[in-house]
PDB file of N, CA and C in Angstrom:
ATOM      1  N   UNK A   1     143.257 125.277  72.653  1.00  0.00           N
ATOM      2  CA  UNK A   1     142.570 124.313  73.491  1.00  0.00           C
ATOM      3  C   UNK A   1     141.533 125.047  74.343  1.00  0.00           C
ATOM      4  N   UNK A   2     140.345 124.522  74.410  1.00  0.00           N
ATOM      5  CA  UNK A   2     139.265 125.134  75.172  1.00  0.00           C
ATOM      6  C   UNK A   2     139.346 124.693  76.627  1.00  0.00           C
ATOM      7  N   UNK A   3     139.251 125.677  77.532  1.00  0.00           N
ATOM      8  CA  UNK A   3     139.280 125.348  78.953  1.00  0.00           C
ATOM      9  C   UNK A   3     137.924 124.821  79.385  1.00  0.00           C
ATOM     10  N   UNK A   4     137.946 123.786  80.193  1.00  0.00           N
ATOM     11  CA  UNK A   4     136.701 123.257  80.732  1.00  0.00           C
ATOM     12  C   UNK A   4     136.212 124.173  81.838  1.00  0.00           C
ATOM     13  N   UNK A   5     134.914 124.379  81.935  1.00  0.00           N
ATOM     14  CA  UNK A   5     134.404 125.226  83.016  1.00  0.00           C
ATOM     15  C   UNK A   5     134.638 124.550  84.363  1.00  0.00           C
ATOM     16  N   UNK A   6     134.904 125.389  85.366  1.00  0.00           N
ATOM     17  CA  UNK A   6     135.089 124.841  86.706  1.00  0.00           C
ATOM     18  C   UNK A   6     133.756 124.329  87.215  1.00  0.00           C
ATOM     19  N   UNK A   7     133.822 123.250  87.987  1.00  0.00           N
ATOM     20  CA  UNK A   7     132.604 122.700  88.581  1.00  0.00           C
ATOM     21  C   UNK A   7     132.082 123.684  89.623  1.00  0.00           C
ATOM     22  N   UNK A   8     130.872 124.124  89.453  1.00  0.00           N
ATOM     23  CA  UNK A   8     130.262 125.053  90.406  1.00  0.00           C
ATOM     24  C   UNK A   8     129.344 124.267  91.331  1.00  0.00           C
ATOM     25  N   UNK A   9     129.638 124.253  92.626  1.00  0.00           N
ATOM     26  CA  UNK A   9     128.789 123.507  93.546  1.00  0.00           C
ATOM     27  C   UNK A   9     127.390 124.120  93.603  1.00  0.00           C
ATOM     28  N   UNK A  10     126.397 123.250  93.723  1.00  0.00           N
ATOM     29  CA  UNK A  10     125.014 123.714  93.749  1.00  0.00           C
ATOM     30  C   UNK A  10     124.463 123.789  95.166  1.00  0.00           C
ATOM     31  N   UNK A  11     124.980 122.965  96.058  1.00  0.00           N
ATOM     32  CA  UNK A  11     124.457 122.966  97.422  1.00  0.00           C
ATOM     33  C   UNK A  11     125.107 124.073  98.248  1.00  0.00           C
ATOM     34  N   UNK A  12     124.452 124.474  99.310  1.00  0.00           N
ATOM     35  CA  UNK A  12     124.912 125.590 100.142  1.00  0.00           C
ATOM     36  C   UNK A  12     126.300 125.330 100.727  1.00  0.00           C
ATOM     37  N   UNK A  13     126.526 124.130 101.260  1.00  0.00           N
ATOM     38  CA  UNK A  13     127.817 123.811 101.867  1.00  0.00           C
ATOM     39  C   UNK A  13     128.919 123.848 100.816  1.00  0.00           C
ATOM     40  N   UNK A  14     128.645 123.330  99.633  1.00  0.00           N
ATOM     41  CA  UNK A  14     129.636 123.352  98.566  1.00  0.00           C
ATOM     42  C   UNK A  14     130.013 124.767  98.162  1.00  0.00           C
ATOM     43  N   UNK A  15     129.014 125.638  98.116  1.00  0.00           N
ATOM     44  CA  UNK A  15     129.267 127.041  97.773  1.00  0.00           C
ATOM     45  C   UNK A  15     130.123 127.694  98.855  1.00  0.00           C
ATOM     46  N   UNK A  16     129.807 127.436 100.128  1.00  0.00           N
ATOM     47  CA  UNK A  16     130.591 128.009 101.228  1.00  0.00           C
ATOM     48  C   UNK A  16     132.032 127.515 101.198  1.00  0.00           C
ATOM     49  N   UNK A  17     132.224 126.215 101.000  1.00  0.00           N
ATOM     50  CA  UNK A  17     133.580 125.659 100.957  1.00  0.00           C
ATOM     51  C   UNK A  17     134.371 126.221  99.779  1.00  0.00           C
ATOM     52  N   UNK A  18     133.711 126.428  98.650  1.00  0.00           N
ATOM     53  CA  UNK A  18     134.388 126.941  97.459  1.00  0.00           C
ATOM     54  C   UNK A  18     134.765 128.412  97.609  1.00  0.00           C
ATOM     55  N   UNK A  19     134.144 129.111  98.552  1.00  0.00           N
ATOM     56  CA  UNK A  19     134.411 130.543  98.733  1.00  0.00           C
ATOM     57  C   UNK A  19     135.776 130.808  99.371  1.00  0.00           C
ATOM     58  N   UNK A  20     136.354 129.817 100.020  1.00  0.00           N
ATOM     59  CA  UNK A  20     137.657 129.989 100.664  1.00  0.00           C
ATOM     60  C   UNK A  20     138.776 129.832  99.641  1.00  0.00           C
ATOM     61  N   UNK A  21     139.899 130.504  99.896  1.00  0.00           N
ATOM     62  CA  UNK A  21     141.084 130.342  99.066  1.00  0.00           C
ATOM     63  C   UNK A  21     142.005 129.361  99.776  1.00  0.00           C
ATOM     64  N   UNK A  22     142.360 128.290  99.096  1.00  0.00           N
ATOM     65  CA  UNK A  22     143.139 127.225  99.709  1.00  0.00           C
ATOM     66  C   UNK A  22     144.583 127.222  99.221  1.00  0.00           C
ATOM     67  N   UNK A  23     145.473 126.789 100.077  1.00  0.00           N
ATOM     68  CA  UNK A  23     146.878 126.587  99.763  1.00  0.00           C
ATOM     69  C   UNK A  23     147.381 125.445 100.641  1.00  0.00           C
ATOM     70  N   UNK A  24     148.577 124.989 100.401  1.00  0.00           N
ATOM     71  CA  UNK A  24     149.114 123.885 101.204  1.00  0.00           C
ATOM     72  C   UNK A  24     149.613 124.398 102.550  1.00  0.00           C
ATOM     73  N   UNK A  25     149.341 123.623 103.580  1.00  0.00           N
ATOM     74  CA  UNK A  25     149.779 124.014 104.918  1.00  0.00           C
ATOM     75  C   UNK A  25     149.346 122.999 105.948  1.00  0.00           C
ATOM     76  N   UNK A  26     149.272 123.445 107.202  1.00  0.00           N
ATOM     77  CA  UNK A  26     148.896 122.589 108.324  1.00  0.00           C
ATOM     78  C   UNK A  26     147.590 123.076 108.929  1.00  0.00           C
ATOM     79  N   UNK A  27     146.750 122.128 109.299  1.00  0.00           N
ATOM     80  CA  UNK A  27     145.465 122.448 109.908  1.00  0.00           C
ATOM     81  C   UNK A  27     145.651 122.579 111.420  1.00  0.00           C
ATOM     82  N   UNK A  28     145.190 123.715 111.987  1.00  0.00           N
ATOM     83  CA  UNK A  28     145.341 123.926 113.430  1.00  0.00           C
ATOM     84  C   UNK A  28     144.418 122.998 114.212  1.00  0.00           C
ATOM     85  N   UNK A  29     143.351 122.532 113.589  1.00  0.00           N
ATOM     86  CA  UNK A  29     142.327 121.779 114.309  1.00  0.00           C
ATOM     87  C   UNK A  29     142.644 120.287 114.376  1.00  0.00           C
ATOM     88  N   UNK A  30     143.021 119.680 113.244  1.00  0.00           N
ATOM     89  CA  UNK A  30     143.276 118.234 113.234  1.00  0.00           C
ATOM     90  C   UNK A  30     144.767 117.908 113.127  1.00  0.00           C
ATOM     91  N   UNK A  31     145.601 118.940 112.993  1.00  0.00           N
ATOM     92  CA  UNK A  31     147.067 118.811 112.959  1.00  0.00           C
ATOM     93  C   UNK A  31     147.612 118.098 111.728  1.00  0.00           C
ATOM     94  N   UNK A  32     146.772 117.857 110.703  1.00  0.00           N
ATOM     95  CA  UNK A  32     147.317 117.259 109.477  1.00  0.00           C
ATOM     96  C   UNK A  32     148.206 118.282 108.796  1.00  0.00           C
ATOM     97  N   UNK A  33     149.271 117.801 108.176  1.00  0.00           N
ATOM     98  CA  UNK A  33     150.229 118.683 107.519  1.00  0.00           C
ATOM     99  C   UNK A  33     150.278 118.381 106.035  1.00  0.00           C
ATOM    100  N   UNK A  34     150.637 119.403 105.245  1.00  0.00           N
ATOM    101  CA  UNK A  34     150.762 119.217 103.805  1.00  0.00           C
ATOM    102  C   UNK A  34     149.426 118.998 103.118  1.00  0.00           C
ATOM    103  N   UNK A  35     148.348 119.587 103.659  1.00  0.00           N
ATOM    104  CA  UNK A  35     147.017 119.467 103.073  1.00  0.00           C
ATOM    105  C   UNK A  35     146.538 120.847 102.629  1.00  0.00           C
ATOM    106  N   UNK A  36     145.481 120.885 101.843  1.00  0.00           N
ATOM    107  CA  UNK A  36     144.913 122.167 101.442  1.00  0.00           C
ATOM    108  C   UNK A  36     144.216 122.795 102.649  1.00  0.00           C
ATOM    109  N   UNK A  37     144.624 124.016 102.969  1.00  0.00           N
ATOM    110  CA  UNK A  37     144.050 124.732 104.101  1.00  0.00           C
ATOM    111  C   UNK A  37     143.622 126.128 103.661  1.00  0.00           C
ATOM    112  N   UNK A  38     142.703 126.711 104.427  1.00  0.00           N
ATOM    113  CA  UNK A  38     142.234 128.069 104.185  1.00  0.00           C
ATOM    114  C   UNK A  38     142.336 128.839 105.496  1.00  0.00           C
ATOM    115  N   UNK A  39     142.634 130.129 105.378  1.00  0.00           N
ATOM    116  CA  UNK A  39     142.675 130.975 106.565  1.00  0.00           C
ATOM    117  C   UNK A  39     141.245 131.210 107.039  1.00  0.00           C
ATOM    118  N   UNK A  40     140.980 130.877 108.289  1.00  0.00           N
ATOM    119  CA  UNK A  40     139.626 131.016 108.817  1.00  0.00           C
ATOM    120  C   UNK A  40     139.536 132.070 109.913  1.00  0.00           C
ATOM    121  N   UNK A  41     140.647 132.648 110.271  1.00  0.00           N
ATOM    122  CA  UNK A  41     140.626 133.678 111.302  1.00  0.00           C
ATOM    123  C   UNK A  41     142.000 133.832 111.918  1.00  0.00           C
ATOM    124  N   UNK A  42     142.040 134.477 113.051  1.00  0.00           N
ATOM    125  CA  UNK A  42     143.311 134.688 113.732  1.00  0.00           C
ATOM    126  C   UNK A  42     143.076 134.801 115.229  1.00  0.00           C
ATOM    127  N   UNK A  43     144.158 134.644 115.944  1.00  0.00           N
ATOM    128  CA  UNK A  43     144.178 134.871 117.388  1.00  0.00           C
ATOM    129  C   UNK A  43     145.004 136.133 117.588  1.00  0.00           C
ATOM    130  N   UNK A  44     144.447 137.099 118.307  1.00  0.00           N
ATOM    131  CA  UNK A  44     145.113 138.373 118.527  1.00  0.00           C
ATOM    132  C   UNK A  44     145.350 138.568 120.015  1.00  0.00           C
ATOM    133  N   UNK A  45     146.575 138.940 120.360  1.00  0.00           N
ATOM    134  CA  UNK A  45     146.890 139.271 121.749  1.00  0.00           C
ATOM    135  C   UNK A  45     148.072 140.229 121.763  1.00  0.00           C
ATOM    136  N   UNK A  46     148.000 141.215 122.645  1.00  0.00           N
ATOM    137  CA  UNK A  46     149.063 142.215 122.789  1.00  0.00           C
ATOM    138  C   UNK A  46     149.493 142.815 121.452  1.00  0.00           C
ATOM    139  N   UNK A  47     148.527 142.998 120.555  1.00  0.00           N
ATOM    140  CA  UNK A  47     148.846 143.614 119.277  1.00  0.00           C
ATOM    141  C   UNK A  47     149.424 142.666 118.250  1.00  0.00           C
ATOM    142  N   UNK A  48     149.733 141.441 118.634  1.00  0.00           N
ATOM    143  CA  UNK A  48     150.241 140.447 117.689  1.00  0.00           C
ATOM    144  C   UNK A  48     149.075 139.630 117.147  1.00  0.00           C
ATOM    145  N   UNK A  49     149.240 139.152 115.929  1.00  0.00           N
ATOM    146  CA  UNK A  49     148.194 138.372 115.283  1.00  0.00           C
ATOM    147  C   UNK A  49     148.781 137.066 114.764  1.00  0.00           C
ATOM    148  N   UNK A  50     148.151 135.958 115.126  1.00  0.00           N
ATOM    149  CA  UNK A  50     148.563 134.644 114.645  1.00  0.00           C
ATOM    150  C   UNK A  50     147.448 134.079 113.788  1.00  0.00           C
ATOM    151  N   UNK A  51     147.692 133.889 112.477  1.00  0.00           N
ATOM    152  CA  UNK A  51     146.635 133.366 111.619  1.00  0.00           C
ATOM    153  C   UNK A  51     146.319 131.907 111.941  1.00  0.00           C
ATOM    154  N   UNK A  52     145.069 131.534 111.726  1.00  0.00           N
ATOM    155  CA  UNK A  52     144.613 130.161 111.922  1.00  0.00           C
ATOM    156  C   UNK A  52     144.143 129.618 110.586  1.00  0.00           C
ATOM    157  N   UNK A  53     144.635 128.424 110.227  1.00  0.00           N
ATOM    158  CA  UNK A  53     144.290 127.767 108.984  1.00  0.00           C
ATOM    159  C   UNK A  53     143.644 126.424 109.300  1.00  0.00           C
ATOM    160  N   UNK A  54     142.644 126.047 108.497  1.00  0.00           N
ATOM    161  CA  UNK A  54     141.976 124.759 108.676  1.00  0.00           C
ATOM    162  C   UNK A  54     141.842 124.065 107.325  1.00  0.00           C
ATOM    163  N   UNK A  55     141.872 122.742 107.350  1.00  0.00           N
ATOM    164  CA  UNK A  55     141.717 121.961 106.121  1.00  0.00           C
ATOM    165  C   UNK A  55     140.243 121.950 105.716  1.00  0.00           C
ATOM    166  N   UNK A  56     139.980 121.494 104.503  1.00  0.00           N
ATOM    167  CA  UNK A  56     138.611 121.474 103.989  1.00  0.00           C
ATOM    168  C   UNK A  56     137.673 120.697 104.915  1.00  0.00           C
ATOM    169  N   UNK A  57     138.124 119.548 105.388  1.00  0.00           N
ATOM    170  CA  UNK A  57     137.272 118.728 106.258  1.00  0.00           C
ATOM    171  C   UNK A  57     136.918 119.483 107.533  1.00  0.00           C
ATOM    172  N   UNK A  58     137.890 120.147 108.143  1.00  0.00           N
ATOM    173  CA  UNK A  58     137.624 120.894 109.376  1.00  0.00           C
ATOM    174  C   UNK A  58     136.805 122.146 109.109  1.00  0.00           C
ATOM    175  N   UNK A  59     137.033 122.814 107.960  1.00  0.00           N
ATOM    176  CA  UNK A  59     136.211 123.965 107.606  1.00  0.00           C
ATOM    177  C   UNK A  59     134.756 123.518 107.491  1.00  0.00           C
ATOM    178  N   UNK A  60     134.532 122.375 106.848  1.00  0.00           N
ATOM    179  CA  UNK A  60     133.168 121.865 106.699  1.00  0.00           C
ATOM    180  C   UNK A  60     132.559 121.550 108.068  1.00  0.00           C
ATOM    181  N   UNK A  61     133.337 120.941 108.961  1.00  0.00           N
ATOM    182  CA  UNK A  61     132.829 120.639 110.298  1.00  0.00           C
ATOM    183  C   UNK A  61     132.496 121.921 111.066  1.00  0.00           C
ATOM    184  N   UNK A  62     133.344 122.947 110.946  1.00  0.00           N
ATOM    185  CA  UNK A  62     133.080 124.213 111.630  1.00  0.00           C
ATOM    186  C   UNK A  62     131.832 124.892 111.065  1.00  0.00           C
ATOM    187  N   UNK A  63     131.659 124.857 109.741  1.00  0.00           N
ATOM    188  CA  UNK A  63     130.464 125.434 109.132  1.00  0.00           C
ATOM    189  C   UNK A  63     129.208 124.678 109.575  1.00  0.00           C
ATOM    190  N   UNK A  64     129.303 123.359 109.675  1.00  0.00           N
ATOM    191  CA  UNK A  64     128.169 122.549 110.136  1.00  0.00           C
ATOM    192  C   UNK A  64     127.836 122.871 111.583  1.00  0.00           C
ATOM    193  N   UNK A  65     128.864 123.019 112.426  1.00  0.00           N
ATOM    194  CA  UNK A  65     128.631 123.401 113.819  1.00  0.00           C
ATOM    195  C   UNK A  65     127.921 124.751 113.888  1.00  0.00           C
ATOM    196  N   UNK A  66     128.337 125.690 113.043  1.00  0.00           N
ATOM    197  CA  UNK A  66     127.701 127.005 113.003  1.00  0.00           C
ATOM    198  C   UNK A  66     126.237 126.879 112.596  1.00  0.00           C
ATOM    199  N   UNK A  67     125.967 126.094 111.548  1.00  0.00           N
ATOM    200  CA  UNK A  67     124.591 125.909 111.090  1.00  0.00           C
ATOM    201  C   UNK A  67     123.721 125.316 112.189  1.00  0.00           C
ATOM    202  N   UNK A  68     124.233 124.316 112.894  1.00  0.00           N
ATOM    203  CA  UNK A  68     123.462 123.697 113.977  1.00  0.00           C
ATOM    204  C   UNK A  68     123.206 124.700 115.100  1.00  0.00           C
ATOM    205  N   UNK A  69     124.176 125.524 115.397  1.00  0.00           N
ATOM    206  CA  UNK A  69     123.997 126.556 116.415  1.00  0.00           C
ATOM    207  C   UNK A  69     122.934 127.555 116.012  1.00  0.00           C
ATOM    208  N   UNK A  70     122.915 127.918 114.732  1.00  0.00           N
ATOM    209  CA  UNK A  70     121.903 128.854 114.239  1.00  0.00           C
ATOM    210  C   UNK A  70     120.509 128.232 114.303  1.00  0.00           C
ATOM    211  N   UNK A  71     120.417 126.930 114.028  1.00  0.00           N
ATOM    212  CA  UNK A  71     119.122 126.244 114.113  1.00  0.00           C
ATOM    213  C   UNK A  71     118.600 126.266 115.543  1.00  0.00           C
ATOM    214  N   UNK A  72     119.481 126.078 116.517  1.00  0.00           N
ATOM    215  CA  UNK A  72     119.063 126.096 117.922  1.00  0.00           C
ATOM    216  C   UNK A  72     118.596 127.481 118.342  1.00  0.00           C
ATOM    217  N   UNK A  73     119.069 128.502 117.644  1.00  0.00           N
ATOM    218  CA  UNK A  73     118.665 129.880 117.960  1.00  0.00           C
ATOM    219  C   UNK A  73     117.479 130.302 117.103  1.00  0.00           C
ATOM    220  N   UNK A  74     116.754 129.321 116.550  1.00  0.00           N
ATOM    221  CA  UNK A  74     115.600 129.607 115.696  1.00  0.00           C
ATOM    222  C   UNK A  74     115.991 130.364 114.436  1.00  0.00           C
ATOM    223  N   UNK A  75     117.226 130.250 114.022  1.00  0.00           N
ATOM    224  CA  UNK A  75     117.656 130.885 112.789  1.00  0.00           C
ATOM    225  C   UNK A  75     117.898 132.374 112.885  1.00  0.00           C
ATOM    226  N   UNK A  76     117.648 132.961 114.037  1.00  0.00           N
ATOM    227  CA  UNK A  76     117.867 134.399 114.187  1.00  0.00           C
ATOM    228  C   UNK A  76     119.305 134.645 114.616  1.00  0.00           C
ATOM    229  N   UNK A  77     119.949 135.522 113.926  1.00  0.00           N
ATOM    230  CA  UNK A  77     121.320 135.869 114.263  1.00  0.00           C
ATOM    231  C   UNK A  77     121.323 136.778 115.489  1.00  0.00           C
ATOM    232  N   UNK A  78     122.126 136.427 116.468  1.00  0.00           N
ATOM    233  CA  UNK A  78     122.240 137.233 117.679  1.00  0.00           C
ATOM    234  C   UNK A  78     123.712 137.524 117.930  1.00  0.00           C
ATOM    235  N   UNK A  79     124.025 138.786 118.087  1.00  0.00           N
ATOM    236  CA  UNK A  79     125.397 139.177 118.382  1.00  0.00           C
ATOM    237  C   UNK A  79     125.461 139.714 119.795  1.00  0.00           C
ATOM    238  N   UNK A  80     126.492 139.327 120.480  1.00  0.00           N
ATOM    239  CA  UNK A  80     126.720 139.833 121.826  1.00  0.00           C
ATOM    240  C   UNK A  80     128.061 140.532 121.806  1.00  0.00           C
ATOM    241  N   UNK A  81     128.079 141.779 122.176  1.00  0.00           N
ATOM    242  CA  UNK A  81     129.331 142.530 122.226  1.00  0.00           C
ATOM    243  C   UNK A  81     129.794 142.585 123.671  1.00  0.00           C
ATOM    244  N   UNK A  82     130.935 142.011 123.939  1.00  0.00           N
ATOM    245  CA  UNK A  82     131.509 142.029 125.274  1.00  0.00           C
ATOM    246  C   UNK A  82     132.514 143.162 125.328  1.00  0.00           C
ATOM    247  N   UNK A  83     132.312 144.125 126.216  1.00  0.00           N
ATOM    248  CA  UNK A  83     133.246 145.245 126.289  1.00  0.00           C
ATOM    249  C   UNK A  83     134.630 144.759 126.731  1.00  0.00           C
ATOM    250  N   UNK A  84     135.646 145.307 126.104  1.00  0.00           N
ATOM    251  CA  UNK A  84     137.018 144.940 126.444  1.00  0.00           C
ATOM    252  C   UNK A  84     137.597 145.988 127.375  1.00  0.00           C
ATOM    253  N   UNK A  85     138.249 145.519 128.416  1.00  0.00           N
ATOM    254  CA  UNK A  85     138.924 146.401 129.346  1.00  0.00           C
ATOM    255  C   UNK A  85     140.412 146.384 129.005  1.00  0.00           C
ATOM    256  N   UNK A  86     141.015 147.546 128.712  1.00  0.00           N
ATOM    257  CA  UNK A  86     142.441 147.588 128.399  1.00  0.00           C
ATOM    258  C   UNK A  86     143.270 147.009 129.541  1.00  0.00           C
ATOM    259  N   UNK A  87     144.396 146.420 129.170  1.00  0.00           N
ATOM    260  CA  UNK A  87     145.282 145.851 130.192  1.00  0.00           C
ATOM    261  C   UNK A  87     145.690 146.928 131.191  1.00  0.00           C
ATOM    262  N   UNK A  88     145.646 146.570 132.460  1.00  0.00           N
ATOM    263  CA  UNK A  88     146.041 147.490 133.503  1.00  0.00           C
ATOM    264  C   UNK A  88     144.900 148.353 134.010  1.00  0.00           C
ATOM    265  N   UNK A  89     143.807 148.404 133.249  1.00  0.00           N
ATOM    266  CA  UNK A  89     142.655 149.206 133.661  1.00  0.00           C
ATOM    267  C   UNK A  89     141.766 148.355 134.563  1.00  0.00           C
ATOM    268  N   UNK A  90     141.022 149.010 135.420  1.00  0.00           N
ATOM    269  CA  UNK A  90     140.120 148.322 136.328  1.00  0.00           C
ATOM    270  C   UNK A  90     138.734 148.344 135.733  1.00  0.00           C
ATOM    271  N   UNK A  91     138.113 147.149 135.622  1.00  0.00           N
ATOM    272  CA  UNK A  91     136.758 147.060 135.071  1.00  0.00           C
ATOM    273  C   UNK A  91     135.770 147.613 136.083  1.00  0.00           C
ATOM    274  N   UNK A  92     134.722 148.267 135.579  1.00  0.00           N
ATOM    275  CA  UNK A  92     133.674 148.810 136.453  1.00  0.00           C
ATOM    276  C   UNK A  92     132.797 147.736 137.002  1.00  0.00           C
TER     277      UNK A  92
END
């Protein structure tokens, strides 16, 4: 039996959404459970890491928010590095 080719999205958003690896889980953003989610990052504190997963709909909304933010910045990427002060240390 011949396998059908996977549908390859042509638009930018479709390509971005397809780049994530999805599995069943709960979305941290909309709280839906038992939906396809992708790991989008983590929260780190005191050396511990808590992964964050979002559903396709929320991933798309977050990507759209990012695109709109980039448009407001004239499309130029700007990074700001905020120095971290170790716990217990006094910031200058």
